[in-house]
């Protein structure tokens, strides 16, 4: 049974989980803060690397991050066995095939997708090459974005492209941090986007043969009606993450907690009884603010 619908209100609660990694990065931040300007290329590169190492490293490590609080997630303590229609199962297989495609920097189509992402992000700036310091301006770890896809694959680039093409105003608002009272140490846009892709895959249980969590089951029903449902949900999740970031007055060390709170909110909305398509999610309106 789904829950009754509630209006979306960004959560301001932030009960931070302190572990060895967090202590390490807190100390590192204090040591380097005086030597780095938040907008300097070195700062952007190091912040992006922090995000990549923390969230998009080896999958076993990533799974540990999300599974720590799995028993507190919406519907996570119950399994739902739903008989999907043949069309819904086909839609799920197609999405899982996309998820299984790794990013290949030698593939022409993947190279063109990266160039297209640059043109969407900075239409008036010529890209010097696929390996360039310019990529740091978008929030990649270093001069070669290909190194940042190891934790998620080509679908995370497809998600970013879909966001930029379908909701360009919202895309640029997040890329350039145009609204709200921003932190001195902001999240790197591109690497954060990869983390959002991976969070959704985990949350919807898409690595399993069939999702058994309530949000995942309800999502597959939506996917059967709209083949772009995952990409639209990605855009919603990214916008929701940014809204949570602002509501929590977060800085880059808070990213894991912001993503955790975002996931919980998404799970709640995907469990509402009157949500039948992605556009019914209360947070869908965030894409137009």
Protein backbone atom coordinates (compact mmCIF):
# COMPACT_ATOMS: atom_id res chain seq x y z
CA UNK A 1 0.00 0.00 0.00
CA UNK A 2 1.27 3.47 -0.85
CA UNK A 3 1.38 6.38 1.51
CA UNK A 4 -0.81 9.40 1.13
CA UNK A 5 0.76 12.30 -0.65
CA UNK A 6 2.55 15.05 1.17
CA UNK A 7 3.91 18.29 -0.23
CA UNK A 8 7.66 18.44 -0.70
CA UNK A 9 9.48 20.38 2.01
CA UNK A 10 13.29 20.21 2.06
CA UNK A 11 14.47 18.65 5.28
CA UNK A 12 16.69 20.70 7.53
CA UNK A 13 17.54 17.83 9.85
CA UNK A 14 21.20 16.85 9.72
CA UNK A 15 22.32 14.15 12.12
CA UNK A 16 25.83 13.63 10.82
CA UNK A 17 27.49 10.24 10.92
CA UNK A 18 31.13 10.60 11.96
CA UNK A 19 33.58 7.96 10.79
CA UNK A 20 37.29 7.75 10.14
CA UNK A 21 36.99 9.14 6.62
CA UNK A 22 35.06 12.16 7.85
CA UNK A 23 37.56 12.88 10.60
CA UNK A 24 40.37 12.63 8.06
CA UNK A 25 38.74 15.06 5.64
CA UNK A 26 37.83 17.47 8.43
CA UNK A 27 41.48 17.61 9.42
CA UNK A 28 42.61 17.92 5.81
CA UNK A 29 40.21 20.79 5.24
CA UNK A 30 41.55 22.70 8.25
CA UNK A 31 45.13 22.19 7.08
CA UNK A 32 44.50 23.37 3.54
CA UNK A 33 41.74 25.96 3.95
CA UNK A 34 44.13 28.84 4.43
CA UNK A 35 46.16 27.86 1.37
CA UNK A 36 43.27 27.36 -1.06
CA UNK A 37 40.75 29.72 -2.60
CA UNK A 38 37.37 28.02 -3.17
CA UNK A 39 37.33 29.06 -6.83
CA UNK A 40 40.93 28.19 -7.65
CA UNK A 41 41.60 25.29 -10.07
CA UNK A 42 43.54 23.50 -7.35
CA UNK A 43 40.63 23.78 -4.93
CA UNK A 44 38.10 22.56 -7.49
CA UNK A 45 40.32 19.62 -8.41
CA UNK A 46 40.93 18.59 -4.81
CA UNK A 47 37.26 18.90 -3.85
CA UNK A 48 36.25 16.81 -6.84
CA UNK A 49 38.83 14.20 -5.94
CA UNK A 50 37.48 14.12 -2.38
CA UNK A 51 33.97 13.44 -3.71
CA UNK A 52 35.19 10.83 -6.17
CA UNK A 53 37.25 8.92 -3.61
CA UNK A 54 34.44 9.08 -1.07
CA UNK A 55 31.51 8.14 -3.27
CA UNK A 56 32.53 6.78 -6.66
CA UNK A 57 35.37 4.48 -5.73
CA UNK A 58 35.27 0.67 -5.84
CA UNK A 59 31.68 -0.55 -5.84
CA UNK A 60 32.14 -2.72 -2.77
CA UNK A 61 33.12 0.38 -0.82
CA UNK A 62 30.24 2.41 -2.21
CA UNK A 63 27.77 -0.31 -1.33
CA UNK A 64 29.05 -0.12 2.24
CA UNK A 65 28.22 3.58 2.43
CA UNK A 66 24.60 3.12 1.40
CA UNK A 67 24.03 -0.15 3.25
CA UNK A 68 25.06 1.31 6.63
CA UNK A 69 21.64 2.83 7.05
CA UNK A 70 19.63 0.55 4.78
CA UNK A 71 17.43 -0.66 7.63
CA UNK A 72 16.29 2.90 8.19
CA UNK A 73 15.20 3.46 4.60
CA UNK A 74 11.63 3.71 3.41
CA UNK A 75 10.24 0.25 2.77
CA UNK A 76 13.68 -1.30 3.22
CA UNK A 77 12.54 -3.65 5.98
CA UNK A 78 9.87 -5.21 3.76
CA UNK A 79 10.09 -7.01 0.44
CA UNK A 80 7.45 -6.55 -2.23
CA UNK A 81 6.95 -9.32 -4.77
CA UNK A 82 5.12 -7.75 -7.68
CA UNK A 83 4.30 -9.49 -10.94
CA UNK A 84 5.46 -7.03 -13.57
CA UNK A 85 3.85 -7.08 -16.98
CA UNK A 86 5.95 -8.25 -19.96
CA UNK A 87 6.28 -4.62 -21.07
CA UNK A 88 7.43 -3.50 -17.62
CA UNK A 89 9.99 -6.32 -17.50
CA UNK A 90 11.29 -5.32 -20.93
CA UNK A 91 11.58 -1.70 -19.80
CA UNK A 92 13.54 -2.84 -16.74
CA UNK A 93 15.91 -4.97 -18.86
CA UNK A 94 16.54 -2.05 -21.21
CA UNK A 95 17.43 0.20 -18.28
CA UNK A 96 19.68 -2.46 -16.75
CA UNK A 97 21.47 -2.81 -20.08
CA UNK A 98 22.16 0.93 -20.02
CA UNK A 99 23.47 0.65 -16.47
CA UNK A 100 25.85 -2.12 -17.56
CA UNK A 101 27.60 -0.03 -20.22
CA UNK A 102 30.99 1.23 -18.97
CA UNK A 103 32.38 4.55 -20.14
CA UNK A 104 34.97 3.95 -22.88
CA UNK A 105 37.20 6.91 -23.61
CA UNK A 106 38.29 5.27 -26.89
CA UNK A 107 34.70 5.00 -28.15
CA UNK A 108 33.81 7.75 -30.64
CA UNK A 109 30.20 7.98 -29.46
CA UNK A 110 31.32 8.39 -25.85
CA UNK A 111 33.83 11.06 -26.87
CA UNK A 112 31.09 12.91 -28.74
CA UNK A 113 28.82 12.69 -25.71
CA UNK A 114 31.50 14.36 -23.57
CA UNK A 115 31.93 17.12 -26.14
CA UNK A 116 28.16 17.59 -26.23
CA UNK A 117 28.11 17.94 -22.44
CA UNK A 118 30.74 20.65 -22.65
CA UNK A 119 28.80 22.52 -25.32
CA UNK A 120 25.64 22.36 -23.19
CA UNK A 121 27.51 23.63 -20.15
CA UNK A 122 29.67 26.32 -21.76
CA UNK A 123 28.19 27.09 -25.20
CA UNK A 124 30.38 30.16 -25.70
CA UNK A 125 33.68 28.53 -24.67
CA UNK A 126 35.63 26.35 -27.10
CA UNK A 127 36.84 23.07 -25.62
CA UNK A 128 40.57 22.63 -26.15
CA UNK A 129 40.44 18.85 -25.95
CA UNK A 130 39.03 15.82 -24.21
CA UNK A 131 41.99 16.06 -21.86
CA UNK A 132 42.14 19.62 -20.61
CA UNK A 133 42.23 21.69 -17.43
CA UNK A 134 38.94 23.19 -18.61
CA UNK A 135 37.03 20.16 -17.32
CA UNK A 136 37.78 21.21 -13.75
CA UNK A 137 35.49 24.21 -14.27
CA UNK A 138 32.59 21.75 -14.53
CA UNK A 139 33.59 19.95 -11.35
CA UNK A 140 35.54 16.97 -12.67
CA UNK A 141 38.38 15.51 -10.64
CA UNK A 142 41.15 16.31 -13.08
CA UNK A 143 42.00 16.99 -16.70
CA UNK A 144 40.37 13.77 -17.99
CA UNK A 145 36.69 13.20 -17.09
CA UNK A 146 36.98 9.56 -18.17
CA UNK A 147 38.71 8.74 -14.89
CA UNK A 148 35.62 9.76 -12.91
CA UNK A 149 33.22 7.27 -14.52
CA UNK A 150 34.73 4.15 -12.97
CA UNK A 151 32.03 3.89 -10.30
CA UNK A 152 28.92 4.28 -12.47
CA UNK A 153 29.51 4.08 -16.23
CA UNK A 154 28.15 5.72 -19.33
CA UNK A 155 24.64 6.15 -17.95
CA UNK A 156 25.85 8.88 -15.60
CA UNK A 157 27.02 10.89 -18.62
CA UNK A 158 23.72 10.20 -20.37
CA UNK A 159 21.92 11.50 -17.27
CA UNK A 160 23.89 14.75 -17.30
CA UNK A 161 23.23 15.20 -21.02
CA UNK A 162 19.51 14.59 -20.56
CA UNK A 163 19.42 17.13 -17.74
CA UNK A 164 21.17 19.78 -19.82
CA UNK A 165 19.01 19.20 -22.89
CA UNK A 166 15.63 18.79 -21.21
CA UNK A 167 15.82 21.27 -18.34
CA UNK A 168 18.60 23.69 -19.38
CA UNK A 169 17.60 26.47 -16.98
CA UNK A 170 17.69 24.16 -13.97
CA UNK A 171 20.89 22.51 -15.25
CA UNK A 172 22.74 25.82 -15.46
CA UNK A 173 21.29 27.03 -12.16
CA UNK A 174 22.90 24.07 -10.42
CA UNK A 175 26.10 24.12 -12.48
CA UNK A 176 26.77 27.78 -11.73
CA UNK A 177 25.21 27.74 -8.21
CA UNK A 178 22.97 30.65 -9.15
CA UNK A 179 20.44 30.56 -6.32
CA UNK A 180 20.49 30.52 -2.55
CA UNK A 181 23.14 31.32 -0.01
CA UNK A 182 26.02 29.20 -1.24
CA UNK A 183 28.78 27.67 0.87
CA UNK A 184 32.40 28.73 0.61
CA UNK A 185 33.23 25.12 -0.25
CA UNK A 186 30.59 24.00 -2.78
CA UNK A 187 30.05 20.53 -4.20
CA UNK A 188 31.69 19.87 -7.61
CA UNK A 189 28.82 19.71 -10.09
CA UNK A 190 29.92 16.89 -12.41
CA UNK A 191 31.20 14.49 -9.77
CA UNK A 192 28.09 15.13 -7.67
CA UNK A 193 26.04 14.23 -10.74
CA UNK A 194 27.75 10.83 -10.99
CA UNK A 195 26.98 10.23 -7.32
CA UNK A 196 23.31 11.03 -7.90
CA UNK A 197 23.17 8.44 -10.70
CA UNK A 198 24.69 5.78 -8.49
CA UNK A 199 22.44 6.66 -5.56
CA UNK A 200 19.36 6.16 -7.73
CA UNK A 201 20.58 2.79 -9.00
CA UNK A 202 21.11 1.65 -5.41
CA UNK A 203 17.88 3.13 -4.09
CA UNK A 204 15.75 1.51 -6.82
CA UNK A 205 17.50 -1.86 -6.42
CA UNK A 206 18.37 -1.92 -10.12
CA UNK A 207 21.38 -4.21 -9.67
CA UNK A 208 18.93 -6.97 -8.68
CA UNK A 209 17.05 -9.06 -11.24
CA UNK A 210 13.85 -7.34 -10.11
CA UNK A 211 13.40 -4.58 -7.51
CA UNK A 212 11.74 -5.76 -4.30
CA UNK A 213 11.65 -2.47 -2.38
CA UNK A 214 8.47 -0.41 -2.61
CA UNK A 215 10.11 2.65 -4.28
CA UNK A 216 11.75 0.36 -6.84
CA UNK A 217 8.56 -1.54 -7.61
CA UNK A 218 6.58 1.66 -8.03
CA UNK A 219 9.31 3.13 -10.23
CA UNK A 220 9.26 0.18 -12.64
CA UNK A 221 5.54 0.73 -13.08
CA UNK A 222 6.31 4.34 -14.07
CA UNK A 223 9.17 3.21 -16.32
CA UNK A 224 6.74 0.99 -18.20
CA UNK A 225 4.70 4.08 -19.04
CA UNK A 226 7.62 6.40 -19.78
CA UNK A 227 10.99 5.18 -21.09
CA UNK A 228 12.58 8.45 -19.91
CA UNK A 229 11.43 7.96 -16.32
CA UNK A 230 14.91 7.22 -14.97
CA UNK A 231 16.46 10.25 -16.65
CA UNK A 232 13.67 12.53 -15.41
CA UNK A 233 14.00 11.08 -11.91
CA UNK A 234 17.73 11.85 -12.10
CA UNK A 235 17.00 15.51 -12.84
CA UNK A 236 14.53 15.64 -9.96
CA UNK A 237 17.02 13.99 -7.61
CA UNK A 238 19.81 16.40 -8.58
CA UNK A 239 17.54 19.42 -8.03
CA UNK A 240 16.34 17.93 -4.73
CA UNK A 241 19.91 17.33 -3.61
CA UNK A 242 20.75 20.99 -4.29
CA UNK A 243 17.63 22.11 -2.39
CA UNK A 244 18.65 19.96 0.57
CA UNK A 245 22.17 21.34 0.34
CA UNK A 246 20.84 24.87 0.71
CA UNK A 247 18.32 23.97 3.42
CA UNK A 248 21.03 22.28 5.49
CA UNK A 249 23.54 25.13 4.90
CA UNK A 250 25.93 22.38 3.86
CA UNK A 251 29.56 22.51 2.88
CA UNK A 252 31.50 19.89 0.94
CA UNK A 253 32.17 17.74 4.00
CA UNK A 254 28.39 17.33 4.41
CA UNK A 255 27.79 15.86 0.96
CA UNK A 256 27.27 12.28 2.12
CA UNK A 257 24.65 13.40 4.63
CA UNK A 258 22.90 15.60 2.06
CA UNK A 259 22.74 12.68 -0.36
CA UNK A 260 21.40 10.41 2.38
CA UNK A 261 18.61 12.86 3.25
CA UNK A 262 17.83 13.29 -0.46
CA UNK A 263 17.50 9.55 -0.86
CA UNK A 264 15.09 9.27 2.07
CA UNK A 265 12.90 12.06 0.64
CA UNK A 266 12.85 10.41 -2.79
CA UNK A 267 11.90 7.06 -1.27
CA UNK A 268 8.99 8.71 0.51
CA UNK A 269 7.73 10.41 -2.63
CA UNK A 270 8.00 7.23 -4.69
CA UNK A 271 5.84 5.50 -2.06
CA UNK A 272 2.95 7.97 -2.23
CA UNK A 273 -0.36 6.40 -3.24
CA UNK A 274 -1.34 9.07 -5.76
CA UNK A 275 1.98 9.13 -7.64
CA UNK A 276 1.56 7.16 -10.87
CA UNK A 277 4.09 8.85 -13.12
CA UNK A 278 7.36 10.66 -12.54
CA UNK A 279 5.77 14.06 -13.11
CA UNK A 280 3.42 13.38 -10.16
CA UNK A 281 6.30 13.53 -7.69
CA UNK A 282 6.00 16.66 -5.52
CA UNK A 283 9.69 17.44 -6.08
CA UNK A 284 9.19 17.57 -9.87
CA UNK A 285 8.34 21.26 -9.44
CA UNK A 286 11.91 21.93 -8.27
CA UNK A 287 13.00 21.72 -11.89
CA UNK A 288 11.10 24.90 -12.66
CA UNK A 289 12.17 27.10 -9.74
